Amino acid sequence: MLIFVLNFWAEMTNVSAGALRSIISGVGLVIGLSWEKSFALAIGAIAIKARQPLWFRDLFDFALVVVVLPAWCLYIIPLAHTELIVEQVASEQGNRPPSVTNSSEPCTQEDTTKLQAR
């Protein structure tokens, strides 16, 4: 919810995109760490009831990697790559970097060709 509020605030005011991205990255880090702690506590609580708690934890961790890693490769990495290309092209053209809301727009083939030619 906080990220949506910050995003709305950035659109309504002249806030530096870099400063806002730093704040949103910090919020994302806190959210990620809290999810990690929640998973660790949940797995620990379930593993206590298993016959072999260490094997159960390892098996569950492996299953989590099997589910999350392909999703990361399919969705997160291409989005981050596209954002990097858009920012580099904008800086080459002397334009202001895109705002946080426009950072996920896909780049054009022309933009990708320009970067690969470098």
Protein backbone atom coordinates (compact mmCIF):
# COMPACT_ATOMS: atom_id res chain seq x y z
CA MET A 1 0.00 0.00 0.00
CA LEU A 2 2.85 2.35 0.86
CA ILE A 3 4.40 1.83 -2.58
CA PHE A 4 1.14 2.84 -4.28
CA VAL A 5 0.94 5.97 -2.11
CA LEU A 6 4.55 6.89 -2.94
CA ASN A 7 3.91 6.27 -6.61
CA PHE A 8 0.81 8.51 -6.56
CA TRP A 9 2.74 11.19 -4.65
CA ALA A 10 5.54 11.09 -7.24
CA GLU A 11 3.07 11.64 -10.06
CA MET A 12 1.51 14.66 -8.34
CA THR A 13 4.73 16.42 -7.30
CA ASN A 14 8.18 17.08 -8.73
CA VAL A 15 10.03 14.54 -6.64
CA SER A 16 13.34 13.21 -7.88
CA ALA A 17 12.85 9.79 -9.48
CA GLY A 18 16.14 8.57 -8.00
CA ALA A 19 15.15 9.52 -4.47
CA LEU A 20 11.78 7.89 -4.82
CA ARG A 21 13.29 4.71 -6.24
CA SER A 22 15.62 4.54 -3.24
CA ILE A 23 12.68 4.80 -0.86
CA ILE A 24 10.68 2.18 -2.76
CA SER A 25 13.71 -0.14 -2.87
CA GLY A 26 14.07 0.21 0.90
CA VAL A 27 10.40 -0.60 1.42
CA GLY A 28 10.75 -3.59 -0.92
CA LEU A 29 13.75 -4.84 1.07
CA VAL A 30 11.83 -4.62 4.34
CA ILE A 31 8.88 -6.48 2.83
CA GLY A 32 11.18 -9.17 1.42
CA LEU A 33 12.92 -9.68 4.75
CA SER A 34 9.60 -9.95 6.57
CA TRP A 35 8.41 -12.60 4.09
CA GLU A 36 11.65 -14.51 4.56
CA LYS A 37 11.20 -14.48 8.35
CA SER A 38 7.58 -15.60 8.00
CA PHE A 39 8.56 -18.54 5.79
CA ALA A 40 11.37 -19.54 8.17
CA LEU A 41 9.03 -19.53 11.17
CA ALA A 42 6.31 -21.44 9.31
CA ILE A 43 8.72 -24.10 8.07
CA GLY A 44 10.21 -24.42 11.55
CA ALA A 45 6.78 -24.87 13.13
CA ILE A 46 5.81 -27.55 10.62
CA ALA A 47 9.21 -29.30 10.79
CA ILE A 48 8.94 -29.77 14.55
CA LYS A 49 6.08 -32.21 14.01
CA ALA A 50 7.99 -34.21 11.34
CA ARG A 51 10.02 -37.31 12.13
CA GLN A 52 13.16 -35.88 10.53
CA PRO A 53 12.99 -32.07 10.97
CA LEU A 54 16.24 -31.33 9.14
CA TRP A 55 15.27 -33.42 6.11
CA PHE A 56 11.85 -31.81 6.04
CA ARG A 57 13.36 -28.31 6.08
CA ASP A 58 15.78 -29.18 3.29
CA LEU A 59 13.04 -30.77 1.20
CA PHE A 60 10.72 -27.81 1.69
CA ASP A 61 13.50 -25.33 0.86
CA PHE A 62 14.28 -27.26 -2.31
CA ALA A 63 10.59 -27.29 -3.30
CA LEU A 64 10.39 -23.54 -2.72
CA VAL A 65 13.40 -22.96 -4.99
CA VAL A 66 11.88 -25.20 -7.67
CA VAL A 67 8.71 -23.07 -7.66
CA VAL A 68 10.18 -19.58 -7.21
CA LEU A 69 13.31 -19.71 -9.38
CA PRO A 70 11.51 -20.34 -12.70
CA ALA A 71 9.00 -17.58 -11.91
CA TRP A 72 11.89 -15.21 -11.16
CA CYS A 73 13.59 -16.09 -14.45
CA LEU A 74 10.39 -15.69 -16.47
CA TYR A 75 9.02 -12.47 -14.97
CA ILE A 76 11.43 -10.52 -12.75
CA ILE A 77 14.68 -10.70 -14.72
CA PRO A 78 13.15 -9.60 -18.08
CA LEU A 79 11.38 -6.70 -16.35
CA ALA A 80 14.61 -5.53 -14.71
CA HIS A 81 16.48 -5.86 -18.02
CA THR A 82 13.84 -3.81 -19.86
CA GLU A 83 13.98 -1.10 -17.19
CA LEU A 84 17.76 -0.89 -17.50
CA ILE A 85 17.60 -0.56 -21.29
CA VAL A 86 14.94 2.16 -21.12
CA GLU A 87 17.00 4.15 -18.61
CA GLN A 88 20.17 3.85 -20.66
CA VAL A 89 18.47 4.97 -23.86
CA ALA A 90 16.84 7.91 -22.07
CA SER A 91 20.18 9.02 -20.62
CA GLU A 92 21.86 8.73 -24.04
CA GLN A 93 19.21 10.93 -25.59
CA GLY A 94 19.56 13.47 -22.77
CA ASN A 95 16.02 12.88 -21.61
CA ARG A 96 14.95 12.73 -18.02
CA PRO A 97 14.88 9.13 -16.77
CA PRO A 98 11.41 7.62 -16.89
CA SER A 99 9.21 7.91 -13.83
CA VAL A 100 8.59 4.96 -11.56
CA THR A 101 5.19 4.28 -13.12
CA ASN A 102 6.59 4.13 -16.67
CA SER A 103 9.64 2.04 -15.85
CA SER A 104 7.98 -1.26 -16.71
CA GLU A 105 7.03 -0.27 -20.24
CA PRO A 106 8.78 -2.53 -22.75
CA CYS A 107 11.52 -0.99 -24.82
CA THR A 108 11.32 -0.95 -28.58
CA GLN A 109 13.48 -3.01 -30.89
CA GLU A 110 15.18 0.23 -31.98
CA ASP A 111 16.23 0.95 -28.38
CA THR A 112 17.64 -2.54 -27.96
CA THR A 113 19.54 -2.27 -31.26
CA LYS A 114 21.09 1.05 -30.21
CA LEU A 115 22.36 -0.44 -26.96
CA GLN A 116 23.70 -3.58 -28.59
CA ALA A 117 25.60 -1.46 -31.16
CA ARG A 118 27.61 0.18 -28.39
